[in-house]
Amino acid sequence: MSAKTNGFAQGTVLKVAYSMLGLTSSVVLTRIVLNILKPRRLTASDYFVFIAFVFHVTKCTLYVALSPYMQRVYAVSNGETEPYPELLHDRILMAKMVFTAFCMFWAILWSIKLSLLLLYRRLLIGISQRYTVVWWCIAGICLVTFAGNYFFYFQSCGTIPGFWTGGCTGKGPHNTQLIGLYYSFSADTSTNVMIMALPIWLTWNLQMPRSKKVSILCLFATGVIYILFACLRVTQVAINAAKPEAIGQPLDPTWLAIWGMVECSIAVIIGCCPAFAVLVKALRPKNSYDSRGYRRQTNSNSDKKRGSRLELNTIRCKRDLIKVLA
């Protein structure tokens, strides 16, 4: 295995693993604290975010645990040290841990997608049926592409046991792994765009202040950040795979591990954003002001009449969307 392309940078992976664990854990714990300060009934959308977080912690822990094994195995492969008695055992154990970590990668990303879809589903009650049809189409595409990730991944080394019996080397497996990489990227990116587009489409025609509408659209568009990191991961791995010395070798585990942890961390954070909007709004004092900057009395008759007129002119979904996410 070439040190130039597939050498496993133990220190780099450990730094990224600890950093992403710390960052993501801080965000999730902050969300939990806010929920304690302002109790709110947890929904299926919340549970899928927590499931994704548990998978993410497990994935990072696996990379931390297998890092010493990879360092020793690659040192032998690159001729830096002599073979040792436990080499075969370390190879098999390392491959099984990498296999498990890769399987968790898609479970994390698609758990967040499902969490967001379930959140949007509650906002579609009582409005045009076409939005519900679109929602079901997106949900179906997400399920099919999720299964497709594992189909291509399990084929990349011939068979599942091939991942730890040497089936990942050779030009054929190398090309199959690239196909799986590109499929996963296209499936992930396309479903992210669909999931972002649905609430943006729903929000676009709402009658509400422009500043409030922009803030809602920005909240839903945070997935663009994740897409950018997904592009970086695929680009870096593809560049390394195109080098002459990398032909016939497995895809670069260093960058797959590093960018995989970064992507999953960003995905979990994005999954927490809607809940943050709800909880922060609930904790914020509800004061209103007139055009000259003076605080307006919220219990005045004029405000009540204006509020009633707004409710009569706004469908239920719009009221819910403004209340929950504005």
C-alpha atoms as a PDB file:
ATOM      1  CA  MET A   1       0.000   0.000   0.000  1.00  0.00           C
ATOM      2  CA  SER A   2       1.458   3.294  -1.041  1.00  0.00           C
ATOM      3  CA  ALA A   3       2.439   5.698   1.684  1.00  0.00           C
ATOM      4  CA  LYS A   4       1.904   8.583  -0.702  1.00  0.00           C
ATOM      5  CA  THR A   5      -1.780   7.952  -1.194  1.00  0.00           C
ATOM      6  CA  ASN A   6      -3.080   5.569   1.432  1.00  0.00           C
ATOM      7  CA  GLY A   7      -0.794   6.180   4.382  1.00  0.00           C
ATOM      8  CA  PHE A   8      -2.978   6.535   7.465  1.00  0.00           C
ATOM      9  CA  ALA A   9      -2.181   9.751   9.334  1.00  0.00           C
ATOM     10  CA  GLN A  10      -2.893   8.650  12.894  1.00  0.00           C
ATOM     11  CA  GLY A  11      -2.395  12.054  14.494  1.00  0.00           C
ATOM     12  CA  THR A  12      -4.619  13.850  11.981  1.00  0.00           C
ATOM     13  CA  VAL A  13      -7.471  11.374  12.291  1.00  0.00           C
ATOM     14  CA  LEU A  14      -7.328  11.479  16.093  1.00  0.00           C
ATOM     15  CA  LYS A  15      -7.414  15.283  16.124  1.00  0.00           C
ATOM     16  CA  VAL A  16     -10.404  15.364  13.787  1.00  0.00           C
ATOM     17  CA  ALA A  17     -12.211  12.637  15.748  1.00  0.00           C
ATOM     18  CA  TYR A  18     -11.807  14.416  19.080  1.00  0.00           C
ATOM     19  CA  SER A  19     -12.666  17.818  17.581  1.00  0.00           C
ATOM     20  CA  MET A  20     -15.832  16.599  15.870  1.00  0.00           C
ATOM     21  CA  LEU A  21     -16.901  14.676  18.964  1.00  0.00           C
ATOM     22  CA  GLY A  22     -16.427  17.763  21.124  1.00  0.00           C
ATOM     23  CA  LEU A  23     -18.202  20.109  18.711  1.00  0.00           C
ATOM     24  CA  THR A  24     -21.179  17.853  18.027  1.00  0.00           C
ATOM     25  CA  SER A  25     -21.561  16.856  21.677  1.00  0.00           C
ATOM     26  CA  SER A  26     -21.600  20.526  22.703  1.00  0.00           C
ATOM     27  CA  VAL A  27     -24.380  21.308  20.237  1.00  0.00           C
ATOM     28  CA  VAL A  28     -26.496  18.305  21.240  1.00  0.00           C
ATOM     29  CA  LEU A  29     -25.999  18.961  24.965  1.00  0.00           C
ATOM     30  CA  THR A  30     -26.956  22.606  24.466  1.00  0.00           C
ATOM     31  CA  ARG A  31     -30.117  21.466  22.742  1.00  0.00           C
ATOM     32  CA  ILE A  32     -30.911  19.158  25.673  1.00  0.00           C
ATOM     33  CA  VAL A  33     -30.324  21.966  28.199  1.00  0.00           C
ATOM     34  CA  LEU A  34     -32.616  24.317  26.269  1.00  0.00           C
ATOM     35  CA  ASN A  35     -35.266  21.622  26.190  1.00  0.00           C
ATOM     36  CA  ILE A  36     -34.956  21.241  29.977  1.00  0.00           C
ATOM     37  CA  LEU A  37     -35.313  24.996  30.491  1.00  0.00           C
ATOM     38  CA  LYS A  38     -38.372  25.057  28.248  1.00  0.00           C
ATOM     39  CA  PRO A  39     -39.883  21.549  28.311  1.00  0.00           C
ATOM     40  CA  ARG A  40     -41.256  20.398  24.992  1.00  0.00           C
ATOM     41  CA  ARG A  41     -42.660  17.049  23.961  1.00  0.00           C
ATOM     42  CA  LEU A  42     -40.092  15.090  21.971  1.00  0.00           C
ATOM     43  CA  THR A  43     -41.205  13.866  18.564  1.00  0.00           C
ATOM     44  CA  ALA A  44     -39.958  11.201  16.159  1.00  0.00           C
ATOM     45  CA  SER A  45     -37.931  13.929  14.454  1.00  0.00           C
ATOM     46  CA  ASP A  46     -36.022  14.551  17.698  1.00  0.00           C
ATOM     47  CA  TYR A  47     -35.383  10.862  18.284  1.00  0.00           C
ATOM     48  CA  PHE A  48     -33.809  10.419  14.864  1.00  0.00           C
ATOM     49  CA  VAL A  49     -31.396  13.277  15.608  1.00  0.00           C
ATOM     50  CA  PHE A  50     -30.384  11.563  18.847  1.00  0.00           C
ATOM     51  CA  ILE A  51     -29.998   8.235  17.012  1.00  0.00           C
ATOM     52  CA  ALA A  52     -27.735   9.940  14.474  1.00  0.00           C
ATOM     53  CA  PHE A  53     -25.694  11.435  17.314  1.00  0.00           C
ATOM     54  CA  VAL A  54     -25.233   8.024  18.963  1.00  0.00           C
ATOM     55  CA  PHE A  55     -24.092   6.565  15.635  1.00  0.00           C
ATOM     56  CA  HIS A  56     -21.718   9.502  15.174  1.00  0.00           C
ATOM     57  CA  VAL A  57     -20.151   8.999  18.606  1.00  0.00           C
ATOM     58  CA  THR A  58     -19.754   5.283  17.875  1.00  0.00           C
ATOM     59  CA  LYS A  59     -18.216   6.003  14.468  1.00  0.00           C
ATOM     60  CA  CYS A  60     -15.649   8.445  15.856  1.00  0.00           C
ATOM     61  CA  THR A  61     -14.857   6.039  18.696  1.00  0.00           C
ATOM     62  CA  LEU A  62     -14.199   3.281  16.166  1.00  0.00           C
ATOM     63  CA  TYR A  63     -11.731   5.456  14.275  1.00  0.00           C
ATOM     64  CA  VAL A  64      -9.974   6.360  17.510  1.00  0.00           C
ATOM     65  CA  ALA A  65      -9.780   2.690  18.510  1.00  0.00           C
ATOM     66  CA  LEU A  66      -8.530   1.402  15.146  1.00  0.00           C
ATOM     67  CA  SER A  67      -5.980   4.172  14.631  1.00  0.00           C
ATOM     68  CA  PRO A  68      -3.097   2.327  16.392  1.00  0.00           C
ATOM     69  CA  TYR A  69      -3.831  -0.856  14.410  1.00  0.00           C
ATOM     70  CA  MET A  70      -3.757   1.037  11.125  1.00  0.00           C
ATOM     71  CA  GLN A  71      -0.518   2.742  12.072  1.00  0.00           C
ATOM     72  CA  ARG A  72       1.199  -0.605  12.701  1.00  0.00           C
ATOM     73  CA  VAL A  73      -0.274  -2.345   9.648  1.00  0.00           C
ATOM     74  CA  TYR A  74       0.603   0.462   7.242  1.00  0.00           C
ATOM     75  CA  ALA A  75       4.086   0.739   8.706  1.00  0.00           C
ATOM     76  CA  VAL A  76       4.664  -2.890   7.682  1.00  0.00           C
ATOM     77  CA  SER A  77       3.027  -2.384   4.266  1.00  0.00           C
ATOM     78  CA  ASN A  78       5.270   0.605   3.545  1.00  0.00           C
ATOM     79  CA  GLY A  79       8.420  -1.238   4.620  1.00  0.00           C
ATOM     80  CA  GLU A  80       9.016   0.945   7.637  1.00  0.00           C
ATOM     81  CA  THR A  81       8.939  -1.959  10.118  1.00  0.00           C
ATOM     82  CA  GLU A  82       9.268  -5.740   9.992  1.00  0.00           C
ATOM     83  CA  PRO A  83       6.192  -8.020  10.044  1.00  0.00           C
ATOM     84  CA  TYR A  84       5.141  -9.024  13.541  1.00  0.00           C
ATOM     85  CA  PRO A  85       3.239 -12.120  14.790  1.00  0.00           C
ATOM     86  CA  GLU A  86      -0.099 -10.341  15.298  1.00  0.00           C
ATOM     87  CA  LEU A  87      -0.067  -8.719  11.844  1.00  0.00           C
ATOM     88  CA  LEU A  88      -2.795 -10.916  10.316  1.00  0.00           C
ATOM     89  CA  HIS A  89      -5.031 -10.487  13.354  1.00  0.00           C
ATOM     90  CA  ASP A  90      -4.563  -6.714  13.263  1.00  0.00           C
ATOM     91  CA  ARG A  91      -5.366  -6.586   9.537  1.00  0.00           C
ATOM     92  CA  ILE A  92      -8.626  -8.465   9.973  1.00  0.00           C
ATOM     93  CA  LEU A  93      -9.669  -6.500  13.059  1.00  0.00           C
ATOM     94  CA  MET A  94      -8.808  -3.206  11.372  1.00  0.00           C
ATOM     95  CA  ALA A  95     -10.794  -4.081   8.242  1.00  0.00           C
ATOM     96  CA  LYS A  96     -13.854  -5.097  10.257  1.00  0.00           C
ATOM     97  CA  MET A  97     -13.779  -1.860  12.242  1.00  0.00           C
ATOM     98  CA  VAL A  98     -13.439   0.222   9.063  1.00  0.00           C
ATOM     99  CA  PHE A  99     -16.315  -1.726   7.505  1.00  0.00           C
ATOM    100  CA  THR A 100     -18.534  -0.986  10.508  1.00  0.00           C
ATOM    101  CA  ALA A 101     -17.582   2.699  10.555  1.00  0.00           C
ATOM    102  CA  PHE A 102     -18.446   3.060   6.877  1.00  0.00           C
ATOM    103  CA  CYS A 103     -21.841   1.438   7.431  1.00  0.00           C
ATOM    104  CA  MET A 104     -22.587   3.991  10.163  1.00  0.00           C
ATOM    105  CA  PHE A 105     -21.698   6.859   7.833  1.00  0.00           C
ATOM    106  CA  TRP A 106     -24.870   6.490   5.753  1.00  0.00           C
ATOM    107  CA  ALA A 107     -26.994   5.611   8.782  1.00  0.00           C
ATOM    108  CA  ILE A 108     -26.071   8.986  10.305  1.00  0.00           C
ATOM    109  CA  LEU A 109     -26.746  11.036   7.190  1.00  0.00           C
ATOM    110  CA  TRP A 110     -30.050   9.398   6.344  1.00  0.00           C
ATOM    111  CA  SER A 111     -31.245   9.570   9.959  1.00  0.00           C
ATOM    112  CA  ILE A 112     -30.913  13.351   9.749  1.00  0.00           C
ATOM    113  CA  LYS A 113     -32.738  13.391   6.410  1.00  0.00           C
ATOM    114  CA  LEU A 114     -35.588  11.401   7.930  1.00  0.00           C
ATOM    115  CA  SER A 115     -35.636  13.692  10.961  1.00  0.00           C
ATOM    116  CA  LEU A 116     -36.082  16.756   8.761  1.00  0.00           C
ATOM    117  CA  LEU A 117     -38.710  15.044   6.622  1.00  0.00           C
ATOM    118  CA  LEU A 118     -40.731  14.125   9.714  1.00  0.00           C
ATOM    119  CA  LEU A 119     -40.498  17.734  10.889  1.00  0.00           C
ATOM    120  CA  TYR A 120     -41.813  19.004   7.557  1.00  0.00           C
ATOM    121  CA  ARG A 121     -44.568  16.385   7.535  1.00  0.00           C
ATOM    122  CA  ARG A 122     -46.204  18.023  10.545  1.00  0.00           C
ATOM    123  CA  LEU A 123     -46.272  21.343   8.702  1.00  0.00           C
ATOM    124  CA  LEU A 124     -48.156  19.890   5.729  1.00  0.00           C
ATOM    125  CA  ILE A 125     -51.309  18.975   7.640  1.00  0.00           C
ATOM    126  CA  GLY A 126     -54.353  20.836   6.354  1.00  0.00           C
ATOM    127  CA  ILE A 127     -52.850  22.307   3.179  1.00  0.00           C
ATOM    128  CA  SER A 128     -52.859  21.370  -0.493  1.00  0.00           C
ATOM    129  CA  GLN A 129     -52.500  17.651  -1.145  1.00  0.00           C
ATOM    130  CA  ARG A 130     -49.764  18.247  -3.705  1.00  0.00           C
ATOM    131  CA  TYR A 131     -47.292  19.072  -0.939  1.00  0.00           C
ATOM    132  CA  THR A 132     -48.019  15.738   0.719  1.00  0.00           C
ATOM    133  CA  VAL A 133     -47.538  13.890  -2.578  1.00  0.00           C
ATOM    134  CA  VAL A 134     -44.174  15.598  -3.055  1.00  0.00           C
ATOM    135  CA  TRP A 135     -43.226  14.715   0.524  1.00  0.00           C
ATOM    136  CA  TRP A 136     -43.965  11.026  -0.045  1.00  0.00           C
ATOM    137  CA  CYS A 137     -41.974  11.060  -3.291  1.00  0.00           C
ATOM    138  CA  ILE A 138     -38.953  12.538  -1.514  1.00  0.00           C
ATOM    139  CA  ALA A 139     -39.294  10.050   1.350  1.00  0.00           C
ATOM    140  CA  GLY A 140     -39.439   7.161  -1.128  1.00  0.00           C
ATOM    141  CA  ILE A 141     -36.365   8.399  -2.984  1.00  0.00           C
ATOM    142  CA  CYS A 142     -34.485   8.704   0.311  1.00  0.00           C
ATOM    143  CA  LEU A 143     -35.310   5.103   1.262  1.00  0.00           C
ATOM    144  CA  VAL A 144     -34.283   3.738  -2.151  1.00  0.00           C
ATOM    145  CA  THR A 145     -31.007   5.684  -2.240  1.00  0.00           C
ATOM    146  CA  PHE A 146     -30.248   4.650   1.342  1.00  0.00           C
ATOM    147  CA  ALA A 147     -30.477   0.980   0.359  1.00  0.00           C
ATOM    148  CA  GLY A 148     -28.445   1.720  -2.776  1.00  0.00           C
ATOM    149  CA  ASN A 149     -25.520   2.964  -0.680  1.00  0.00           C
ATOM    150  CA  TYR A 150     -25.162  -0.407   1.007  1.00  0.00           C
ATOM    151  CA  PHE A 151     -25.719  -2.325  -2.224  1.00  0.00           C
ATOM    152  CA  PHE A 152     -22.774  -0.619  -3.930  1.00  0.00           C
ATOM    153  CA  TYR A 153     -20.629  -0.685  -0.805  1.00  0.00           C
ATOM    154  CA  PHE A 154     -21.107  -4.408  -0.183  1.00  0.00           C
ATOM    155  CA  GLN A 155     -20.161  -5.075  -3.834  1.00  0.00           C
ATOM    156  CA  SER A 156     -16.975  -2.997  -3.724  1.00  0.00           C
ATOM    157  CA  CYS A 157     -14.815  -5.886  -2.476  1.00  0.00           C
ATOM    158  CA  GLY A 158     -16.705  -8.719  -4.153  1.00  0.00           C
ATOM    159  CA  THR A 159     -18.297 -10.059  -0.983  1.00  0.00           C
ATOM    160  CA  ILE A 160     -18.615  -8.822   2.579  1.00  0.00           C
ATOM    161  CA  PRO A 161     -15.853 -11.183   3.844  1.00  0.00           C
ATOM    162  CA  GLY A 162     -13.720  -9.773   1.031  1.00  0.00           C
ATOM    163  CA  PHE A 163     -13.308  -6.593   3.055  1.00  0.00           C
ATOM    164  CA  TRP A 164     -10.979  -8.418   5.459  1.00  0.00           C
ATOM    165  CA  THR A 165      -9.664 -11.216   3.207  1.00  0.00           C
ATOM    166  CA  GLY A 166      -7.929  -9.092   0.576  1.00  0.00           C
ATOM    167  CA  GLY A 167     -10.828  -8.650  -1.843  1.00  0.00           C
ATOM    168  CA  CYS A 168     -10.489  -4.857  -1.968  1.00  0.00           C
ATOM    169  CA  THR A 169      -7.249  -4.819  -3.982  1.00  0.00           C
ATOM    170  CA  GLY A 170      -7.069  -4.959  -7.764  1.00  0.00           C
ATOM    171  CA  LYS A 171      -8.240  -2.772 -10.628  1.00  0.00           C
ATOM    172  CA  GLY A 172     -11.793  -4.191 -10.623  1.00  0.00           C
ATOM    173  CA  PRO A 173     -12.512  -3.543  -6.935  1.00  0.00           C
ATOM    174  CA  HIS A 174     -10.813  -0.153  -7.253  1.00  0.00           C
ATOM    175  CA  ASN A 175     -13.211   0.908 -10.016  1.00  0.00           C
ATOM    176  CA  THR A 176     -16.187  -0.549  -8.148  1.00  0.00           C
ATOM    177  CA  GLN A 177     -15.267   1.494  -5.085  1.00  0.00           C
ATOM    178  CA  LEU A 178     -15.118   4.647  -7.207  1.00  0.00           C
ATOM    179  CA  ILE A 179     -18.569   3.899  -8.629  1.00  0.00           C
ATOM    180  CA  GLY A 180     -19.903   3.470  -5.095  1.00  0.00           C
ATOM    181  CA  LEU A 181     -18.252   6.732  -4.034  1.00  0.00           C
ATOM    182  CA  TYR A 182     -19.828   8.693  -6.890  1.00  0.00           C
ATOM    183  CA  TYR A 183     -23.220   7.055  -6.387  1.00  0.00           C
ATOM    184  CA  SER A 184     -23.204   7.864  -2.682  1.00  0.00           C
ATOM    185  CA  PHE A 185     -22.262  11.468  -3.385  1.00  0.00           C
ATOM    186  CA  SER A 186     -24.935  11.949  -6.054  1.00  0.00           C
ATOM    187  CA  ALA A 187     -27.618  10.250  -3.927  1.00  0.00           C
ATOM    188  CA  ASP A 188     -26.696  12.270  -0.844  1.00  0.00           C
ATOM    189  CA  THR A 189     -26.521  15.596  -2.677  1.00  0.00           C
ATOM    190  CA  SER A 190     -29.718  15.127  -4.688  1.00  0.00           C
ATOM    191  CA  THR A 191     -31.768  14.127  -1.639  1.00  0.00           C
ATOM    192  CA  ASN A 192     -30.347  17.052   0.334  1.00  0.00           C
ATOM    193  CA  VAL A 193     -31.436  19.453  -2.401  1.00  0.00           C
ATOM    194  CA  MET A 194     -34.931  17.926  -2.424  1.00  0.00           C
ATOM    195  CA  ILE A 195     -35.247  18.146   1.355  1.00  0.00           C
ATOM    196  CA  MET A 196     -34.134  21.796   1.325  1.00  0.00           C
ATOM    197  CA  ALA A 197     -36.381  22.703  -1.606  1.00  0.00           C
ATOM    198  CA  LEU A 198     -39.626  21.420  -0.056  1.00  0.00           C
ATOM    199  CA  PRO A 199     -39.844  23.858   2.905  1.00  0.00           C
ATOM    200  CA  ILE A 200     -38.401  26.693   0.810  1.00  0.00           C
ATOM    201  CA  TRP A 201     -41.176  26.101  -1.731  1.00  0.00           C
ATOM    202  CA  LEU A 202     -43.701  26.043   1.096  1.00  0.00           C
ATOM    203  CA  THR A 203     -42.357  29.263   2.642  1.00  0.00           C
ATOM    204  CA  TRP A 204     -41.873  31.243  -0.553  1.00  0.00           C
ATOM    205  CA  ASN A 205     -45.479  32.427  -0.933  1.00  0.00           C
ATOM    206  CA  LEU A 206     -46.185  33.100   2.739  1.00  0.00           C
ATOM    207  CA  GLN A 207     -47.488  36.570   3.601  1.00  0.00           C
ATOM    208  CA  MET A 208     -45.032  37.645   6.278  1.00  0.00           C
ATOM    209  CA  PRO A 209     -42.297  40.276   6.842  1.00  0.00           C
ATOM    210  CA  ARG A 210     -39.414  39.881   4.433  1.00  0.00           C
ATOM    211  CA  SER A 211     -36.808  39.745   7.208  1.00  0.00           C
ATOM    212  CA  LYS A 212     -38.674  36.912   8.898  1.00  0.00           C
ATOM    213  CA  LYS A 213     -39.039  35.061   5.604  1.00  0.00           C
ATOM    214  CA  VAL A 214     -35.317  35.436   4.871  1.00  0.00           C
ATOM    215  CA  SER A 215     -34.419  34.042   8.296  1.00  0.00           C
ATOM    216  CA  ILE A 216     -36.625  30.991   7.704  1.00  0.00           C
ATOM    217  CA  LEU A 217     -35.183  30.413   4.229  1.00  0.00           C
ATOM    218  CA  CYS A 218     -31.639  30.672   5.616  1.00  0.00           C
ATOM    219  CA  LEU A 219     -32.496  28.093   8.269  1.00  0.00           C
ATOM    220  CA  PHE A 220     -33.685  25.619   5.658  1.00  0.00           C
ATOM    221  CA  ALA A 221     -30.734  26.381   3.364  1.00  0.00           C
ATOM    222  CA  THR A 222     -28.089  25.410   5.926  1.00  0.00           C
ATOM    223  CA  GLY A 223     -27.766  22.103   4.082  1.00  0.00           C
ATOM    224  CA  VAL A 224     -25.690  23.935   1.473  1.00  0.00           C
ATOM    225  CA  ILE A 225     -22.806  23.926   3.959  1.00  0.00           C
ATOM    226  CA  TYR A 226     -23.002  20.166   4.245  1.00  0.00           C
ATOM    227  CA  ILE A 227     -23.102  19.777   0.447  1.00  0.00           C
ATOM    228  CA  LEU A 228     -19.897  21.810   0.143  1.00  0.00           C
ATOM    229  CA  PHE A 229     -18.070  19.479   2.538  1.00  0.00           C
ATOM    230  CA  ALA A 230     -19.411  16.450   0.666  1.00  0.00           C
ATOM    231  CA  CYS A 231     -17.925  17.909  -2.522  1.00  0.00           C
ATOM    232  CA  LEU A 232     -14.576  18.372  -0.780  1.00  0.00           C
ATOM    233  CA  ARG A 233     -14.573  14.759   0.417  1.00  0.00           C
ATOM    234  CA  VAL A 234     -15.310  13.275  -2.998  1.00  0.00           C
ATOM    235  CA  THR A 235     -12.852  15.589  -4.751  1.00  0.00           C
ATOM    236  CA  GLN A 236      -9.989  14.787  -2.377  1.00  0.00           C
ATOM    237  CA  VAL A 237     -10.559  11.028  -2.495  1.00  0.00           C
ATOM    238  CA  ALA A 238     -10.978  11.031  -6.293  1.00  0.00           C
ATOM    239  CA  ILE A 239      -7.753  13.002  -6.793  1.00  0.00           C
ATOM    240  CA  ASN A 240      -5.807  10.534  -4.668  1.00  0.00           C
ATOM    241  CA  ALA A 241      -7.439   7.567  -6.414  1.00  0.00           C
ATOM    242  CA  ALA A 242      -6.384   8.918  -9.822  1.00  0.00           C
ATOM    243  CA  LYS A 243      -2.667   8.842  -8.972  1.00  0.00           C
ATOM    244  CA  PRO A 244      -0.744   6.072 -10.781  1.00  0.00           C
ATOM    245  CA  GLU A 245       0.507   4.524  -7.551  1.00  0.00           C
ATOM    246  CA  ALA A 246      -3.076   4.288  -6.230  1.00  0.00           C
ATOM    247  CA  ILE A 247      -4.418   2.157  -9.088  1.00  0.00           C
ATOM    248  CA  GLY A 248      -5.489  -1.215  -7.754  1.00  0.00           C
ATOM    249  CA  GLN A 249      -5.402  -0.027  -4.147  1.00  0.00           C
ATOM    250  CA  PRO A 250      -8.390   0.619  -1.846  1.00  0.00           C
ATOM    251  CA  LEU A 251      -9.629   4.195  -1.704  1.00  0.00           C
ATOM    252  CA  ASP A 252      -7.686   6.492   0.598  1.00  0.00           C
ATOM    253  CA  PRO A 253      -8.814   5.592   4.149  1.00  0.00           C
ATOM    254  CA  THR A 254      -7.298   8.746   5.650  1.00  0.00           C
ATOM    255  CA  TRP A 255      -9.467  11.210   3.777  1.00  0.00           C
ATOM    256  CA  LEU A 256     -12.525   8.967   3.874  1.00  0.00           C
ATOM    257  CA  ALA A 257     -12.223   8.859   7.658  1.00  0.00           C
ATOM    258  CA  ILE A 258     -11.497  12.569   8.111  1.00  0.00           C
ATOM    259  CA  TRP A 259     -14.129  13.960   5.765  1.00  0.00           C
ATOM    260  CA  GLY A 260     -16.632  11.309   6.846  1.00  0.00           C
ATOM    261  CA  MET A 261     -16.420  12.465  10.461  1.00  0.00           C
ATOM    262  CA  VAL A 262     -16.659  16.128   9.433  1.00  0.00           C
ATOM    263  CA  GLU A 263     -19.700  15.480   7.226  1.00  0.00           C
ATOM    264  CA  CYS A 264     -21.513  13.518   9.911  1.00  0.00           C
ATOM    265  CA  SER A 265     -20.788  16.172  12.519  1.00  0.00           C
ATOM    266  CA  ILE A 266     -22.188  18.917  10.291  1.00  0.00           C
ATOM    267  CA  ALA A 267     -25.242  16.779   9.503  1.00  0.00           C
ATOM    268  CA  VAL A 268     -26.068  16.283  13.194  1.00  0.00           C
ATOM    269  CA  ILE A 269     -25.622  20.006  13.875  1.00  0.00           C
ATOM    270  CA  ILE A 270     -27.933  20.874  10.969  1.00  0.00           C
ATOM    271  CA  GLY A 271     -30.457  18.403  12.342  1.00  0.00           C
ATOM    272  CA  CYS A 272     -30.453  20.363  15.622  1.00  0.00           C
ATOM    273  CA  CYS A 273     -31.031  23.758  13.982  1.00  0.00           C
ATOM    274  CA  PRO A 274     -34.858  23.631  13.718  1.00  0.00           C
ATOM    275  CA  ALA A 275     -35.128  22.613  17.379  1.00  0.00           C
ATOM    276  CA  PHE A 276     -32.834  25.484  18.364  1.00  0.00           C
ATOM    277  CA  ALA A 277     -35.131  27.889  16.517  1.00  0.00           C
ATOM    278  CA  VAL A 278     -38.140  26.555  18.418  1.00  0.00           C
ATOM    279  CA  LEU A 279     -36.506  26.547  21.850  1.00  0.00           C
ATOM    280  CA  VAL A 280     -34.761  29.910  21.548  1.00  0.00           C
ATOM    281  CA  LYS A 281     -38.006  31.520  20.378  1.00  0.00           C
ATOM    282  CA  ALA A 282     -39.833  29.974  23.335  1.00  0.00           C
ATOM    283  CA  LEU A 283     -37.283  31.427  25.770  1.00  0.00           C
ATOM    284  CA  ARG A 284     -37.273  34.868  24.151  1.00  0.00           C
ATOM    285  CA  PRO A 285     -39.606  37.540  25.611  1.00  0.00           C
ATOM    286  CA  LYS A 286     -42.452  38.202  23.201  1.00  0.00           C
ATOM    287  CA  ASN A 287     -42.390  41.998  22.938  1.00  0.00           C
ATOM    288  CA  SER A 288     -43.626  44.018  19.977  1.00  0.00           C
ATOM    289  CA  TYR A 289     -42.807  47.601  19.028  1.00  0.00           C
ATOM    290  CA  ASP A 290     -44.489  50.312  17.022  1.00  0.00           C
ATOM    291  CA  SER A 291     -42.930  52.210  14.108  1.00  0.00           C
ATOM    292  CA  ARG A 292     -41.296  54.735  16.486  1.00  0.00           C
ATOM    293  CA  GLY A 293     -39.583  52.090  18.603  1.00  0.00           C
ATOM    294  CA  TYR A 294     -41.953  52.163  21.606  1.00  0.00           C
ATOM    295  CA  ARG A 295     -43.051  48.886  23.155  1.00  0.00           C
ATOM    296  CA  ARG A 296     -46.567  47.976  22.105  1.00  0.00           C
ATOM    297  CA  GLN A 297     -49.028  46.536  24.621  1.00  0.00           C
ATOM    298  CA  THR A 298     -49.698  42.968  23.512  1.00  0.00           C
ATOM    299  CA  ASN A 299     -53.131  42.845  25.134  1.00  0.00           C
ATOM    300  CA  SER A 300     -54.556  45.874  23.344  1.00  0.00           C
ATOM    301  CA  ASN A 301     -57.783  45.505  21.418  1.00  0.00           C
ATOM    302  CA  SER A 302     -56.230  46.720  18.177  1.00  0.00           C
ATOM    303  CA  ASP A 303     -53.540  44.036  18.356  1.00  0.00           C
ATOM    304  CA  LYS A 304     -56.127  41.384  19.053  1.00  0.00           C
ATOM    305  CA  LYS A 305     -58.146  42.466  16.039  1.00  0.00           C
ATOM    306  CA  ARG A 306     -55.085  42.523  13.796  1.00  0.00           C
ATOM    307  CA  GLY A 307     -54.058  39.081  15.073  1.00  0.00           C
ATOM    308  CA  SER A 308     -57.519  37.740  14.349  1.00  0.00           C
ATOM    309  CA  ARG A 309     -57.473  39.105  10.822  1.00  0.00           C
ATOM    310  CA  LEU A 310     -54.052  37.552  10.180  1.00  0.00           C
ATOM    311  CA  GLU A 311     -55.234  34.176  11.382  1.00  0.00           C
ATOM    312  CA  LEU A 312     -58.303  34.349   9.158  1.00  0.00           C
ATOM    313  CA  ASN A 313     -56.146  35.137   6.121  1.00  0.00           C
ATOM    314  CA  THR A 314     -53.498  32.490   6.763  1.00  0.00           C
ATOM    315  CA  ILE A 315     -53.908  28.763   6.343  1.00  0.00           C
ATOM    316  CA  ARG A 316     -53.021  26.447   9.185  1.00  0.00           C
ATOM    317  CA  CYS A 317     -49.675  25.430   7.743  1.00  0.00           C
ATOM    318  CA  LYS A 318     -48.598  29.026   7.460  1.00  0.00           C
ATOM    319  CA  ARG A 319     -49.536  29.735  11.068  1.00  0.00           C
ATOM    320  CA  ASP A 320     -47.645  26.662  12.230  1.00  0.00           C
ATOM    321  CA  LEU A 321     -44.598  27.506  10.145  1.00  0.00           C
ATOM    322  CA  ILE A 322     -44.403  31.057  11.471  1.00  0.00           C
ATOM    323  CA  LYS A 323     -45.023  29.935  15.040  1.00  0.00           C
ATOM    324  CA  VAL A 324     -42.502  27.101  14.994  1.00  0.00           C
ATOM    325  CA  LEU A 325     -39.685  28.467  12.868  1.00  0.00           C
ATOM    326  CA  ALA A 326     -39.977  32.239  12.726  1.00  0.00           C
END
